[in-house]
Amino acid sequence: MKENKYDNENFFNQYKKMNRSINGLSGAGEWHELKKMLPEFKGKRVLDLGCGFGWHCKYAIENGAKSAIGIDLSKNMLEEAKKIIQIKPLSILKCQ
């Protein structure tokens, strides 16, 4: 059976309070460097494995991706992603 710390209620409640959880990519310390490594998204289809709150999927769509699919093991992460990221054509899926 797969274990996921993000589905532990206490852990997840603390994770939601982190700057990266509240402010998305701009709240992630590594974002300014990671952004430089990303490809051009225009017209592409994106798959984000371990999408968490879906911030990278949102970024891809906002930067021209044709579609983005986010997959995560955590039910909590996906529920939060669905609340935060309300952009079409974005799909948030559970991986079991």
PDB file of N, CA and C in Angstrom:
ATOM      1  N   MET A   1       0.834  -1.184   0.000  1.00  0.00           N
ATOM      2  CA  MET A   1       0.000   0.000   0.000  1.00  0.00           C
ATOM      3  C   MET A   1       0.882   1.251   0.000  1.00  0.00           C
ATOM      4  N   LYS A   2       0.514   2.212  -0.816  1.00  0.00           N
ATOM      5  CA  LYS A   2       1.274   3.451  -0.915  1.00  0.00           C
ATOM      6  C   LYS A   2       0.987   4.336   0.292  1.00  0.00           C
ATOM      7  N   GLU A   3       2.034   4.951   0.822  1.00  0.00           N
ATOM      8  CA  GLU A   3       1.888   5.905   1.912  1.00  0.00           C
ATOM      9  C   GLU A   3       2.190   7.286   1.389  1.00  0.00           C
ATOM     10  N   ASN A   4       1.439   8.241   1.852  1.00  0.00           N
ATOM     11  CA  ASN A   4       1.660   9.603   1.405  1.00  0.00           C
ATOM     12  C   ASN A   4       1.521  10.543   2.588  1.00  0.00           C
ATOM     13  N   LYS A   5       2.611  11.208   2.960  1.00  0.00           N
ATOM     14  CA  LYS A   5       2.581  12.088   4.131  1.00  0.00           C
ATOM     15  C   LYS A   5       1.633  13.264   3.951  1.00  0.00           C
ATOM     16  N   TYR A   6       1.341  13.633   2.727  1.00  0.00           N
ATOM     17  CA  TYR A   6       0.447  14.755   2.474  1.00  0.00           C
ATOM     18  C   TYR A   6      -1.007  14.418   2.790  1.00  0.00           C
ATOM     19  N   ASP A   7      -1.325  13.146   2.973  1.00  0.00           N
ATOM     20  CA  ASP A   7      -2.665  12.759   3.379  1.00  0.00           C
ATOM     21  C   ASP A   7      -2.770  12.602   4.894  1.00  0.00           C
ATOM     22  N   ASN A   8      -1.664  12.862   5.611  1.00  0.00           N
ATOM     23  CA  ASN A   8      -1.694  12.932   7.065  1.00  0.00           C
ATOM     24  C   ASN A   8      -2.238  14.316   7.416  1.00  0.00           C
ATOM     25  N   GLU A   9      -3.345  14.363   8.134  1.00  0.00           N
ATOM     26  CA  GLU A   9      -4.042  15.624   8.395  1.00  0.00           C
ATOM     27  C   GLU A   9      -3.149  16.679   9.058  1.00  0.00           C
ATOM     28  N   ASN A  10      -2.404  16.299  10.077  1.00  0.00           N
ATOM     29  CA  ASN A  10      -1.544  17.262  10.774  1.00  0.00           C
ATOM     30  C   ASN A  10      -0.448  17.795   9.853  1.00  0.00           C
ATOM     31  N   PHE A  11       0.214  16.898   9.140  1.00  0.00           N
ATOM     32  CA  PHE A  11       1.275  17.315   8.222  1.00  0.00           C
ATOM     33  C   PHE A  11       0.723  18.258   7.156  1.00  0.00           C
ATOM     34  N   PHE A  12      -0.400  17.865   6.551  1.00  0.00           N
ATOM     35  CA  PHE A  12      -0.972  18.658   5.463  1.00  0.00           C
ATOM     36  C   PHE A  12      -1.423  20.033   5.943  1.00  0.00           C
ATOM     37  N   ASN A  13      -2.013  20.107   7.119  1.00  0.00           N
ATOM     38  CA  ASN A  13      -2.446  21.404   7.648  1.00  0.00           C
ATOM     39  C   ASN A  13      -1.264  22.346   7.839  1.00  0.00           C
ATOM     40  N   GLN A  14      -0.116  21.824   8.221  1.00  0.00           N
ATOM     41  CA  GLN A  14       1.083  22.658   8.349  1.00  0.00           C
ATOM     42  C   GLN A  14       1.641  23.018   6.961  1.00  0.00           C
ATOM     43  N   TYR A  15       1.617  22.058   6.038  1.00  0.00           N
ATOM     44  CA  TYR A  15       2.107  22.303   4.675  1.00  0.00           C
ATOM     45  C   TYR A  15       1.312  23.425   4.005  1.00  0.00           C
ATOM     46  N   LYS A  16       0.001  23.453   4.230  1.00  0.00           N
ATOM     47  CA  LYS A  16      -0.849  24.481   3.618  1.00  0.00           C
ATOM     48  C   LYS A  16      -0.487  25.890   4.084  1.00  0.00           C
ATOM     49  N   LYS A  17       0.193  25.998   5.200  1.00  0.00           N
ATOM     50  CA  LYS A  17       0.573  27.306   5.748  1.00  0.00           C
ATOM     51  C   LYS A  17       1.899  27.817   5.178  1.00  0.00           C
ATOM     52  N   MET A  18       2.615  26.968   4.436  1.00  0.00           N
ATOM     53  CA  MET A  18       3.908  27.357   3.890  1.00  0.00           C
ATOM     54  C   MET A  18       3.736  28.413   2.790  1.00  0.00           C
ATOM     55  N   ASN A  19       4.736  29.264   2.648  1.00  0.00           N
ATOM     56  CA  ASN A  19       4.716  30.329   1.643  1.00  0.00           C
ATOM     57  C   ASN A  19       4.434  29.789   0.239  1.00  0.00           C
ATOM     58  N   ARG A  20       5.060  28.661  -0.120  1.00  0.00           N
ATOM     59  CA  ARG A  20       4.864  28.084  -1.457  1.00  0.00           C
ATOM     60  C   ARG A  20       3.442  27.580  -1.652  1.00  0.00           C
ATOM     61  N   SER A  21       2.791  27.176  -0.585  1.00  0.00           N
ATOM     62  CA  SER A  21       1.414  26.697  -0.692  1.00  0.00           C
ATOM     63  C   SER A  21       0.448  27.859  -0.854  1.00  0.00           C
ATOM     64  N   ILE A  22       0.738  28.956  -0.192  1.00  0.00           N
ATOM     65  CA  ILE A  22      -0.134  30.124  -0.228  1.00  0.00           C
ATOM     66  C   ILE A  22       0.094  30.964  -1.487  1.00  0.00           C
ATOM     67  N   ASN A  23       1.361  31.198  -1.836  1.00  0.00           N
ATOM     68  CA  ASN A  23       1.697  32.113  -2.930  1.00  0.00           C
ATOM     69  C   ASN A  23       2.096  31.425  -4.226  1.00  0.00           C
ATOM     70  N   GLY A  24       2.030  30.126  -4.267  1.00  0.00           N
ATOM     71  CA  GLY A  24       2.353  29.412  -5.497  1.00  0.00           C
ATOM     72  C   GLY A  24       3.823  29.485  -5.860  1.00  0.00           C
ATOM     73  N   LEU A  25       4.104  29.523  -7.136  1.00  0.00           N
ATOM     74  CA  LEU A  25       5.485  29.474  -7.610  1.00  0.00           C
ATOM     75  C   LEU A  25       6.322  30.629  -7.085  1.00  0.00           C
ATOM     76  N   SER A  26       5.743  31.803  -6.961  1.00  0.00           N
ATOM     77  CA  SER A  26       6.513  32.950  -6.460  1.00  0.00           C
ATOM     78  C   SER A  26       6.923  32.753  -5.000  1.00  0.00           C
ATOM     79  N   GLY A  27       6.247  31.858  -4.297  1.00  0.00           N
ATOM     80  CA  GLY A  27       6.582  31.572  -2.904  1.00  0.00           C
ATOM     81  C   GLY A  27       7.575  30.434  -2.730  1.00  0.00           C
ATOM     82  N   ALA A  28       7.984  29.819  -3.839  1.00  0.00           N
ATOM     83  CA  ALA A  28       8.949  28.705  -3.790  1.00  0.00           C
ATOM     84  C   ALA A  28      10.345  29.257  -4.045  1.00  0.00           C
ATOM     85  N   GLY A  29      11.235  29.056  -3.097  1.00  0.00           N
ATOM     86  CA  GLY A  29      12.582  29.607  -3.187  1.00  0.00           C
ATOM     87  C   GLY A  29      13.349  29.211  -4.433  1.00  0.00           C
ATOM     88  N   GLU A  30      13.088  28.029  -4.959  1.00  0.00           N
ATOM     89  CA  GLU A  30      13.828  27.539  -6.127  1.00  0.00           C
ATOM     90  C   GLU A  30      13.234  28.008  -7.457  1.00  0.00           C
ATOM     91  N   TRP A  31      12.066  28.646  -7.434  1.00  0.00           N
ATOM     92  CA  TRP A  31      11.350  28.969  -8.662  1.00  0.00           C
ATOM     93  C   TRP A  31      12.164  29.828  -9.624  1.00  0.00           C
ATOM     94  N   HIS A  32      12.870  30.829  -9.147  1.00  0.00           N
ATOM     95  CA  HIS A  32      13.595  31.724 -10.058  1.00  0.00           C
ATOM     96  C   HIS A  32      14.652  30.973 -10.867  1.00  0.00           C
ATOM     97  N   GLU A  33      15.206  29.894 -10.335  1.00  0.00           N
ATOM     98  CA  GLU A  33      16.184  29.089 -11.082  1.00  0.00           C
ATOM     99  C   GLU A  33      15.494  28.024 -11.941  1.00  0.00           C
ATOM    100  N   LEU A  34      14.478  27.382 -11.401  1.00  0.00           N
ATOM    101  CA  LEU A  34      13.762  26.340 -12.150  1.00  0.00           C
ATOM    102  C   LEU A  34      13.113  26.926 -13.405  1.00  0.00           C
ATOM    103  N   LYS A  35      12.551  28.099 -13.280  1.00  0.00           N
ATOM    104  CA  LYS A  35      11.876  28.756 -14.406  1.00  0.00           C
ATOM    105  C   LYS A  35      12.805  28.893 -15.612  1.00  0.00           C
ATOM    106  N   LYS A  36      14.075  29.159 -15.366  1.00  0.00           N
ATOM    107  CA  LYS A  36      15.056  29.308 -16.444  1.00  0.00           C
ATOM    108  C   LYS A  36      15.263  28.010 -17.233  1.00  0.00           C
ATOM    109  N   MET A  37      14.998  26.871 -16.611  1.00  0.00           N
ATOM    110  CA  MET A  37      15.237  25.569 -17.237  1.00  0.00           C
ATOM    111  C   MET A  37      14.035  25.034 -18.009  1.00  0.00           C
ATOM    112  N   LEU A  38      12.887  25.662 -17.841  1.00  0.00           N
ATOM    113  CA  LEU A  38      11.674  25.155 -18.479  1.00  0.00           C
ATOM    114  C   LEU A  38      11.654  25.476 -19.970  1.00  0.00           C
ATOM    115  N   PRO A  39      11.032  24.597 -20.746  1.00  0.00           N
ATOM    116  CA  PRO A  39      10.944  24.825 -22.199  1.00  0.00           C
ATOM    117  C   PRO A  39       9.841  25.819 -22.536  1.00  0.00           C
ATOM    118  N   GLU A  40       9.749  26.164 -23.795  1.00  0.00           N
ATOM    119  CA  GLU A  40       8.639  26.953 -24.324  1.00  0.00           C
ATOM    120  C   GLU A  40       7.397  26.065 -24.256  1.00  0.00           C
ATOM    121  N   PHE A  41       6.292  26.568 -23.741  1.00  0.00           N
ATOM    122  CA  PHE A  41       5.081  25.759 -23.580  1.00  0.00           C
ATOM    123  C   PHE A  41       4.062  25.944 -24.696  1.00  0.00           C
ATOM    124  N   LYS A  42       4.232  26.938 -25.513  1.00  0.00           N
ATOM    125  CA  LYS A  42       3.238  27.255 -26.535  1.00  0.00           C
ATOM    126  C   LYS A  42       2.891  26.040 -27.391  1.00  0.00           C
ATOM    127  N   GLY A  43       1.590  25.686 -27.372  1.00  0.00           N
ATOM    128  CA  GLY A  43       1.080  24.581 -28.176  1.00  0.00           C
ATOM    129  C   GLY A  43       1.370  23.186 -27.642  1.00  0.00           C
ATOM    130  N   LYS A  44       2.058  23.080 -26.527  1.00  0.00           N
ATOM    131  CA  LYS A  44       2.436  21.762 -25.987  1.00  0.00           C
ATOM    132  C   LYS A  44       1.358  21.208 -25.061  1.00  0.00           C
ATOM    133  N   ARG A  45       1.418  19.901 -24.876  1.00  0.00           N
ATOM    134  CA  ARG A  45       0.587  19.215 -23.885  1.00  0.00           C
ATOM    135  C   ARG A  45       1.509  18.836 -22.737  1.00  0.00           C
ATOM    136  N   VAL A  46       1.114  19.152 -21.506  1.00  0.00           N
ATOM    137  CA  VAL A  46       1.976  18.993 -20.333  1.00  0.00           C
ATOM    138  C   VAL A  46       1.395  17.945 -19.384  1.00  0.00           C
ATOM    139  N   LEU A  47       2.273  17.101 -18.860  1.00  0.00           N
ATOM    140  CA  LEU A  47       1.914  16.130 -17.831  1.00  0.00           C
ATOM    141  C   LEU A  47       2.795  16.416 -16.630  1.00  0.00           C
ATOM    142  N   ASP A  48       2.191  16.713 -15.491  1.00  0.00           N
ATOM    143  CA  ASP A  48       2.921  17.001 -14.259  1.00  0.00           C
ATOM    144  C   ASP A  48       2.669  15.868 -13.270  1.00  0.00           C
ATOM    145  N   LEU A  49       3.678  15.030 -13.094  1.00  0.00           N
ATOM    146  CA  LEU A  49       3.581  13.925 -12.140  1.00  0.00           C
ATOM    147  C   LEU A  49       3.985  14.439 -10.767  1.00  0.00           C
ATOM    148  N   GLY A  50       3.120  14.247  -9.791  1.00  0.00           N
ATOM    149  CA  GLY A  50       3.371  14.802  -8.462  1.00  0.00           C
ATOM    150  C   GLY A  50       3.039  16.278  -8.454  1.00  0.00           C
ATOM    151  N   CYS A  51       1.875  16.628  -8.999  1.00  0.00           N
ATOM    152  CA  CYS A  51       1.522  18.032  -9.250  1.00  0.00           C
ATOM    153  C   CYS A  51       1.253  18.853  -7.998  1.00  0.00           C
ATOM    154  N   GLY A  52       1.039  18.208  -6.867  1.00  0.00           N
ATOM    155  CA  GLY A  52       0.773  18.969  -5.653  1.00  0.00           C
ATOM    156  C   GLY A  52      -0.425  19.881  -5.815  1.00  0.00           C
ATOM    157  N   PHE A  53      -0.240  21.164  -5.559  1.00  0.00           N
ATOM    158  CA  PHE A  53      -1.326  22.131  -5.649  1.00  0.00           C
ATOM    159  C   PHE A  53      -1.586  22.579  -7.085  1.00  0.00           C
ATOM    160  N   GLY A  54      -0.828  22.083  -8.047  1.00  0.00           N
ATOM    161  CA  GLY A  54      -1.077  22.364  -9.457  1.00  0.00           C
ATOM    162  C   GLY A  54      -0.460  23.636 -10.005  1.00  0.00           C
ATOM    163  N   TRP A  55       0.451  24.243  -9.252  1.00  0.00           N
ATOM    164  CA  TRP A  55       1.027  25.522  -9.680  1.00  0.00           C
ATOM    165  C   TRP A  55       1.787  25.427 -11.007  1.00  0.00           C
ATOM    166  N   HIS A  56       2.509  24.321 -11.241  1.00  0.00           N
ATOM    167  CA  HIS A  56       3.259  24.193 -12.496  1.00  0.00           C
ATOM    168  C   HIS A  56       2.316  23.991 -13.680  1.00  0.00           C
ATOM    169  N   CYS A  57       1.225  23.282 -13.460  1.00  0.00           N
ATOM    170  CA  CYS A  57       0.221  23.133 -14.528  1.00  0.00           C
ATOM    171  C   CYS A  57      -0.367  24.494 -14.886  1.00  0.00           C
ATOM    172  N   LYS A  58      -0.688  25.264 -13.879  1.00  0.00           N
ATOM    173  CA  LYS A  58      -1.237  26.603 -14.110  1.00  0.00           C
ATOM    174  C   LYS A  58      -0.251  27.453 -14.897  1.00  0.00           C
ATOM    175  N   TYR A  59       1.007  27.412 -14.527  1.00  0.00           N
ATOM    176  CA  TYR A  59       2.037  28.178 -15.223  1.00  0.00           C
ATOM    177  C   TYR A  59       2.117  27.756 -16.697  1.00  0.00           C
ATOM    178  N   ALA A  60       2.076  26.438 -16.947  1.00  0.00           N
ATOM    179  CA  ALA A  60       2.163  25.946 -18.322  1.00  0.00           C
ATOM    180  C   ALA A  60       1.005  26.471 -19.165  1.00  0.00           C
ATOM    181  N   ILE A  61      -0.218  26.408 -18.645  1.00  0.00           N
ATOM    182  CA  ILE A  61      -1.393  26.890 -19.374  1.00  0.00           C
ATOM    183  C   ILE A  61      -1.294  28.395 -19.612  1.00  0.00           C
ATOM    184  N   GLU A  62      -0.899  29.131 -18.569  1.00  0.00           N
ATOM    185  CA  GLU A  62      -0.781  30.583 -18.704  1.00  0.00           C
ATOM    186  C   GLU A  62       0.301  30.990 -19.695  1.00  0.00           C
ATOM    187  N   ASN A  63       1.224  30.055 -19.986  1.00  0.00           N
ATOM    188  CA  ASN A  63       2.315  30.343 -20.907  1.00  0.00           C
ATOM    189  C   ASN A  63       2.168  29.585 -22.225  1.00  0.00           C
ATOM    190  N   GLY A  64       0.917  29.307 -22.599  1.00  0.00           N
ATOM    191  CA  GLY A  64       0.632  28.822 -23.935  1.00  0.00           C
ATOM    192  C   GLY A  64       0.440  27.335 -24.141  1.00  0.00           C
ATOM    193  N   ALA A  65       0.530  26.534 -23.090  1.00  0.00           N
ATOM    194  CA  ALA A  65       0.317  25.090 -23.272  1.00  0.00           C
ATOM    195  C   ALA A  65      -1.110  24.833 -23.753  1.00  0.00           C
ATOM    196  N   LYS A  66      -1.230  23.892 -24.661  1.00  0.00           N
ATOM    197  CA  LYS A  66      -2.533  23.504 -25.198  1.00  0.00           C
ATOM    198  C   LYS A  66      -3.377  22.841 -24.113  1.00  0.00           C
ATOM    199  N   SER A  67      -2.722  22.052 -23.255  1.00  0.00           N
ATOM    200  CA  SER A  67      -3.405  21.380 -22.148  1.00  0.00           C
ATOM    201  C   SER A  67      -2.377  21.007 -21.092  1.00  0.00           C
ATOM    202  N   ALA A  68      -2.871  20.736 -19.892  1.00  0.00           N
ATOM    203  CA  ALA A  68      -2.014  20.282 -18.804  1.00  0.00           C
ATOM    204  C   ALA A  68      -2.787  19.294 -17.955  1.00  0.00           C
ATOM    205  N   ILE A  69      -2.131  18.224 -17.598  1.00  0.00           N
ATOM    206  CA  ILE A  69      -2.719  17.214 -16.719  1.00  0.00           C
ATOM    207  C   ILE A  69      -1.819  17.107 -15.500  1.00  0.00           C
ATOM    208  N   GLY A  70      -2.406  17.250 -14.323  1.00  0.00           N
ATOM    209  CA  GLY A  70      -1.682  17.086 -13.073  1.00  0.00           C
ATOM    210  C   GLY A  70      -2.113  15.807 -12.386  1.00  0.00           C
ATOM    211  N   ILE A  71      -1.148  15.020 -11.963  1.00  0.00           N
ATOM    212  CA  ILE A  71      -1.414  13.752 -11.290  1.00  0.00           C
ATOM    213  C   ILE A  71      -0.661  13.742  -9.966  1.00  0.00           C
ATOM    214  N   ASP A  72      -1.315  13.267  -8.914  1.00  0.00           N
ATOM    215  CA  ASP A  72      -0.668  13.179  -7.609  1.00  0.00           C
ATOM    216  C   ASP A  72      -1.257  12.003  -6.840  1.00  0.00           C
ATOM    217  N   LEU A  73      -0.487  11.435  -5.934  1.00  0.00           N
ATOM    218  CA  LEU A  73      -0.966  10.347  -5.089  1.00  0.00           C
ATOM    219  C   LEU A  73      -1.849  10.858  -3.954  1.00  0.00           C
ATOM    220  N   SER A  74      -1.672  12.102  -3.572  1.00  0.00           N
ATOM    221  CA  SER A  74      -2.354  12.644  -2.409  1.00  0.00           C
ATOM    222  C   SER A  74      -3.732  13.205  -2.739  1.00  0.00           C
ATOM    223  N   LYS A  75      -4.729  12.664  -2.078  1.00  0.00           N
ATOM    224  CA  LYS A  75      -6.093  13.169  -2.212  1.00  0.00           C
ATOM    225  C   LYS A  75      -6.160  14.626  -1.746  1.00  0.00           C
ATOM    226  N   ASN A  76      -5.482  14.949  -0.653  1.00  0.00           N
ATOM    227  CA  ASN A  76      -5.479  16.321  -0.135  1.00  0.00           C
ATOM    228  C   ASN A  76      -4.890  17.305  -1.137  1.00  0.00           C
ATOM    229  N   MET A  77      -3.758  16.919  -1.743  1.00  0.00           N
ATOM    230  CA  MET A  77      -3.117  17.808  -2.716  1.00  0.00           C
ATOM    231  C   MET A  77      -4.038  18.062  -3.899  1.00  0.00           C
ATOM    232  N   LEU A  78      -4.664  17.027  -4.391  1.00  0.00           N
ATOM    233  CA  LEU A  78      -5.536  17.178  -5.561  1.00  0.00           C
ATOM    234  C   LEU A  78      -6.780  17.991  -5.249  1.00  0.00           C
ATOM    235  N   GLU A  79      -7.341  17.809  -4.063  1.00  0.00           N
ATOM    236  CA  GLU A  79      -8.507  18.609  -3.683  1.00  0.00           C
ATOM    237  C   GLU A  79      -8.141  20.081  -3.620  1.00  0.00           C
ATOM    238  N   GLU A  80      -6.971  20.381  -3.077  1.00  0.00           N
ATOM    239  CA  GLU A  80      -6.506  21.767  -3.001  1.00  0.00           C
ATOM    240  C   GLU A  80      -6.234  22.313  -4.405  1.00  0.00           C
ATOM    241  N   ALA A  81      -5.629  21.508  -5.263  1.00  0.00           N
ATOM    242  CA  ALA A  81      -5.351  21.935  -6.642  1.00  0.00           C
ATOM    243  C   ALA A  81      -6.639  22.281  -7.374  1.00  0.00           C
ATOM    244  N   LYS A  82      -7.666  21.490  -7.188  1.00  0.00           N
ATOM    245  CA  LYS A  82      -8.939  21.747  -7.862  1.00  0.00           C
ATOM    246  C   LYS A  82      -9.566  23.059  -7.390  1.00  0.00           C
ATOM    247  N   LYS A  83      -9.353  23.418  -6.125  1.00  0.00           N
ATOM    248  CA  LYS A  83      -9.871  24.689  -5.598  1.00  0.00           C
ATOM    249  C   LYS A  83      -9.079  25.871  -6.148  1.00  0.00           C
ATOM    250  N   ILE A  84      -7.763  25.730  -6.179  1.00  0.00           N
ATOM    251  CA  ILE A  84      -6.869  26.830  -6.543  1.00  0.00           C
ATOM    252  C   ILE A  84      -6.799  27.046  -8.047  1.00  0.00           C
ATOM    253  N   ILE A  85      -6.614  25.979  -8.788  1.00  0.00           N
ATOM    254  CA  ILE A  85      -6.338  26.063 -10.217  1.00  0.00           C
ATOM    255  C   ILE A  85      -7.617  25.802 -10.988  1.00  0.00           C
ATOM    256  N   GLN A  86      -8.286  26.848 -11.367  1.00  0.00           N
ATOM    257  CA  GLN A  86      -9.550  26.714 -12.088  1.00  0.00           C
ATOM    258  C   GLN A  86      -9.389  27.267 -13.498  1.00  0.00           C
ATOM    259  N   ILE A  87      -8.506  26.621 -14.246  1.00  0.00           N
ATOM    260  CA  ILE A  87      -8.188  27.037 -15.607  1.00  0.00           C
ATOM    261  C   ILE A  87      -8.481  25.877 -16.548  1.00  0.00           C
ATOM    262  N   LYS A  88      -9.097  26.146 -17.653  1.00  0.00           N
ATOM    263  CA  LYS A  88      -9.268  25.144 -18.707  1.00  0.00           C
ATOM    264  C   LYS A  88      -8.232  25.446 -19.769  1.00  0.00           C
ATOM    265  N   PRO A  89      -7.656  24.488 -20.416  1.00  0.00           N
ATOM    266  CA  PRO A  89      -7.874  23.046 -20.382  1.00  0.00           C
ATOM    267  C   PRO A  89      -6.937  22.325 -19.423  1.00  0.00           C
ATOM    268  N   LEU A  90      -7.222  22.380 -18.153  1.00  0.00           N
ATOM    269  CA  LEU A  90      -6.406  21.755 -17.122  1.00  0.00           C
ATOM    270  C   LEU A  90      -7.196  20.633 -16.474  1.00  0.00           C
ATOM    271  N   SER A  91      -6.575  19.486 -16.341  1.00  0.00           N
ATOM    272  CA  SER A  91      -7.181  18.352 -15.674  1.00  0.00           C
ATOM    273  C   SER A  91      -6.340  17.980 -14.470  1.00  0.00           C
ATOM    274  N   ILE A  92      -6.973  17.747 -13.339  1.00  0.00           N
ATOM    275  CA  ILE A  92      -6.291  17.268 -12.151  1.00  0.00           C
ATOM    276  C   ILE A  92      -6.815  15.874 -11.881  1.00  0.00           C
ATOM    277  N   LEU A  93      -5.921  14.897 -11.882  1.00  0.00           N
ATOM    278  CA  LEU A  93      -6.303  13.500 -11.762  1.00  0.00           C
ATOM    279  C   LEU A  93      -5.642  12.836 -10.570  1.00  0.00           C
ATOM    280  N   LYS A  94      -6.329  11.868  -9.987  1.00  0.00           N
ATOM    281  CA  LYS A  94      -5.735  11.094  -8.903  1.00  0.00           C
ATOM    282  C   LYS A  94      -5.050   9.871  -9.468  1.00  0.00           C
ATOM    283  N   CYS A  95      -3.892   9.615  -8.964  1.00  0.00           N
ATOM    284  CA  CYS A  95      -3.136   8.415  -9.347  1.00  0.00           C
ATOM    285  C   CYS A  95      -3.259   7.428  -8.197  1.00  0.00           C
ATOM    286  N   GLN A  96      -3.709   6.228  -8.487  1.00  0.00           N
ATOM    287  CA  GLN A  96      -3.875   5.235  -7.416  1.00  0.00           C
ATOM    288  C   GLN A  96      -2.957   4.072  -7.626  1.00  0.00           C
TER     289      GLN A  96
END
